[in-house]
Every structure is written in structure tokens, then in C-alpha cells.
Protein backbone atom coordinates (compact mmCIF):
# COMPACT_ATOMS: atom_id res chain seq x y z
CA MET A 1 -0.22 -0.06 0.10
CA GLY A 2 1.34 3.37 -0.93
CA GLN A 3 2.26 6.14 1.48
CA THR A 4 -0.49 8.58 2.46
CA LEU A 5 0.30 12.21 2.35
CA ILE A 6 -1.97 12.81 5.43
CA ASP A 7 -0.49 12.29 8.87
CA ILE A 8 -2.71 9.33 10.10
CA ASP A 9 -2.06 10.45 13.80
CA GLY A 10 -2.91 14.20 13.15
CA ILE A 11 -6.15 15.84 13.88
CA PRO A 12 -7.33 16.15 10.16
CA ALA A 13 -7.17 12.27 10.10
CA ARG A 14 -8.91 11.82 13.38
CA TYR A 15 -11.43 14.17 12.07
CA MET A 16 -11.88 12.24 8.81
CA THR A 17 -12.40 9.14 10.70
CA LEU A 18 -14.89 10.69 12.93
CA LEU A 19 -16.84 11.75 10.03
CA MET A 20 -16.75 8.34 8.31
CA ILE A 21 -17.67 6.55 11.47
CA GLY A 22 -20.43 8.91 12.11
CA GLU A 23 -21.89 8.15 8.49
CA LEU A 24 -21.68 4.51 9.24
CA VAL A 25 -23.52 4.66 12.48
CA ASP A 26 -26.10 7.15 10.71
CA ILE A 27 -26.62 4.82 7.69
CA THR A 28 -27.17 2.02 10.14
CA THR A 29 -30.01 4.09 11.80
CA VAL A 30 -31.50 4.90 8.27
CA PHE A 31 -31.60 1.13 7.45
CA GLY A 32 -33.38 0.26 10.87
CA GLU A 33 -35.74 3.44 10.41
CA LYS A 34 -36.77 2.93 6.83
CA LEU A 35 -36.55 -0.84 6.57
CA ASN A 36 -37.07 -1.96 10.10
CA LEU A 37 -33.99 -3.89 10.19
CA ASN A 38 -31.80 -4.83 13.08
CA VAL A 39 -27.79 -4.34 12.73
CA THR A 40 -27.11 -7.84 11.91
CA ASP A 41 -29.90 -7.81 8.94
CA THR A 42 -28.59 -4.12 8.07
CA PHE A 43 -24.98 -5.48 7.39
CA ILE A 44 -26.17 -8.76 5.82
CA LEU A 45 -28.41 -6.73 3.42
CA ALA A 46 -25.60 -4.12 2.78
CA SER A 47 -23.03 -6.78 2.00
CA LEU A 48 -25.31 -8.62 -0.44
CA ALA A 49 -26.45 -5.23 -2.18
CA PHE A 50 -22.58 -4.22 -2.59
CA PHE A 51 -21.38 -7.79 -3.69
CA SER A 52 -24.48 -8.44 -5.99
CA SER A 53 -24.44 -5.21 -7.64
CA ARG A 54 -20.77 -4.10 -7.64
CA ARG A 55 -19.47 -6.19 -10.71
CA GLY A 56 -22.48 -5.24 -12.82
CA LEU A 57 -21.94 -1.62 -12.09
CA LEU A 58 -18.15 -1.80 -12.52
CA ASP A 59 -18.47 -3.77 -15.85
CA ALA A 60 -21.01 -1.08 -17.11
CA VAL A 61 -18.60 1.53 -16.26
CA ASP A 62 -15.62 -0.15 -17.80
CA ARG A 63 -17.63 -0.38 -20.89
CA GLY A 64 -18.58 3.18 -20.78
CA GLU A 65 -22.18 2.40 -20.82
CA LEU A 66 -22.51 4.25 -17.57
CA THR A 67 -21.40 7.54 -17.07
CA THR A 68 -22.26 10.59 -14.89
CA ASP A 69 -23.51 12.26 -18.27
CA GLY A 70 -25.98 9.33 -18.99
CA PRO A 71 -29.67 8.78 -17.90
CA GLY A 72 -30.48 7.98 -14.47
CA ILE A 73 -32.03 4.66 -15.20
CA PHE A 74 -29.66 1.75 -16.09
CA GLN A 75 -30.16 -1.90 -15.97
CA ILE A 76 -27.29 -3.60 -14.48
CA GLN A 77 -26.33 -7.44 -13.91
CA HIS A 78 -26.86 -8.23 -10.30
CA HIS A 79 -24.94 -11.46 -9.33
CA PRO A 80 -25.80 -14.05 -6.76
CA ILE A 81 -23.99 -14.34 -3.66
CA ASN A 82 -23.94 -17.28 -1.27
CA ALA A 83 -24.24 -17.28 2.55
CA LYS A 84 -20.68 -18.53 2.71
CA SER A 85 -19.21 -15.29 1.22
CA ILE A 86 -21.22 -12.96 3.63
CA HIS A 87 -20.22 -15.09 6.42
CA LEU A 88 -16.67 -15.05 5.68
CA LYS A 89 -16.63 -11.29 4.94
CA LEU A 90 -18.50 -10.24 7.94
CA GLY A 91 -17.05 -12.79 10.35
CA MET A 92 -20.61 -13.69 11.50
CA SER A 93 -21.61 -17.32 11.67
CA ARG A 94 -22.68 -19.10 8.57
CA GLU A 95 -25.84 -20.17 10.27
CA THR A 96 -26.92 -16.76 11.30
CA VAL A 97 -26.29 -15.34 7.75
CA ARG A 98 -28.30 -18.28 6.23
CA ARG A 99 -31.15 -17.79 8.66
CA ARG A 100 -31.02 -13.88 7.98
CA LEU A 101 -30.83 -14.44 4.18
CA ILE A 102 -34.01 -16.37 4.37
CA TYR A 103 -35.63 -13.58 6.57
CA LEU A 104 -34.68 -10.76 4.18
CA GLU A 105 -36.01 -12.74 1.34
CA GLN A 106 -39.25 -13.53 2.96
CA ARG A 107 -39.52 -9.70 3.45
CA GLY A 108 -39.00 -9.18 -0.19
CA LEU A 109 -35.80 -7.20 0.04
CA ILE A 110 -33.66 -9.92 -1.76
CA LYS A 111 -34.18 -12.55 -4.18
CA LYS A 112 -32.88 -16.26 -4.55
CA ARG A 113 -31.80 -18.41 -7.24
CA ASP A 114 -30.12 -21.82 -7.11
CA ASP A 115 -26.69 -20.28 -6.83
CA GLY A 116 -27.23 -17.91 -4.17
CA TYR A 117 -29.18 -14.48 -3.22
CA PHE A 118 -29.04 -11.48 -5.23
CA PHE A 119 -30.14 -7.76 -4.58
CA PRO A 120 -32.69 -6.98 -7.27
CA VAL A 121 -32.18 -3.70 -9.50
CA GLN A 122 -34.18 -1.15 -7.37
CA ILE A 123 -36.66 0.08 -9.95
CA GLY A 124 -40.40 0.36 -9.66
CA GLU A 125 -41.94 -1.95 -7.05
CA ASP A 126 -38.77 -3.59 -6.31
CA ASP A 127 -37.24 -0.46 -5.16
CA VAL A 128 -36.90 -0.44 -1.39
CA THR A 129 -33.69 1.65 -1.15
CA ARG A 130 -34.63 5.16 -2.43
CA HIS A 131 -34.38 6.37 1.02
CA LEU A 132 -31.11 4.87 1.38
CA ARG A 133 -29.72 6.38 -1.66
CA GLU A 134 -31.07 9.75 -0.77
CA TYR A 135 -29.20 9.44 2.38
CA CYS A 136 -26.09 8.27 0.77
CA VAL A 137 -26.06 11.10 -1.86
CA ALA A 138 -26.60 13.71 1.10
CA ALA A 139 -23.81 11.96 2.90
CA ALA A 140 -21.49 12.05 0.11
CA LEU A 141 -22.15 15.78 -0.27
CA ARG A 142 -21.68 16.42 3.27
CA LEU A 143 -18.39 14.47 3.49
CA HIS A 144 -17.27 16.24 0.15
CA ASP A 145 -18.03 19.62 1.78
CA LYS A 146 -16.24 18.79 5.16
CA LEU A 147 -13.13 16.95 3.59
CA THR A 148 -12.36 19.25 0.86
CA PRO A 149 -10.44 21.84 2.87
CA TYR A 150 -8.25 18.98 4.15
CA LEU A 151 -7.84 17.17 0.73
CA ALA A 152 -7.56 20.25 -1.50
CA SER A 153 -4.01 20.97 -0.42
CA LEU A 154 -2.65 17.50 -1.36
CA PRO A 155 -0.76 17.14 -4.71
């Protein structure tokens, strides 16, 4: 890993860390309030959403099909993720992850295929994360405003 130009022990690094941790706590609260999920379910759903949609989004960006200039609606391919992958990433028991995936599927928040669970494209009646996207966009703007003074001086 490359050397950082920010003093990790300095006040700016501590401030940035505080902001990021605060956003993590806040997004966990948003999941709880908007989707009625506990922390375990929040992290399992967030992991599944991230891993399920990451490859499709990155592939679309790499092919030039998805840019900041394009339309807001874009169909990406979501990929199934199994309980073992989530259990290994989060360090939760495999059985807990398996049970919670079944629960999240029963709630209609995720879908199941033979090779695992996936996070459905969030459009129309399947869109359960609009509030979360609104929060994330607002959080990114907040972080941008608060971090710009510390990052602007970097080469």
C-alpha cells in the first residue's frame, strides 16, 4: 500500500475518521428506520447489495455504458452471492447469515436463485432503497464539503 500524504496521527485524520464512522452509524440507523432492520440484518443486506451489484456496475462503467452524463435509469446485471461469502466477509456465523438471508428474502428485500441470493435492481415496485440512496447522496455531499479543505492541499 502506498504512503499517504495525510498524517494518520494528526487531527485532520482523526476528524476524517470521526466523520466516516458517524456516517456508518447514521446509515445503520437509516436502514433500521426505513426498512425496520436490526444491525445484523442491515450488514447482511448491505453486504449482499454491495457484492451483488458491484460487478455489474463496474463492468458497465468499464464498457462506457454508465457515466455521470448518462440517464438516471440503467439496468445492470446483479450477481448471486452465497451465505458463505457473506459469512466470511462479515465474520458472522454461517448459520446466522443463512437464517437472516431467508428472512430478508421473505420480506421481499432480496431474491434467491439456485446459486445464491441477489439484490434486485432497485426500480419500480422492487425499489426498497430510495431513502437509502437519498441518504447516501446527501452523505457524500456532506463529506465532500467537510473534507475538501483537508484534501485540497494534497498534490
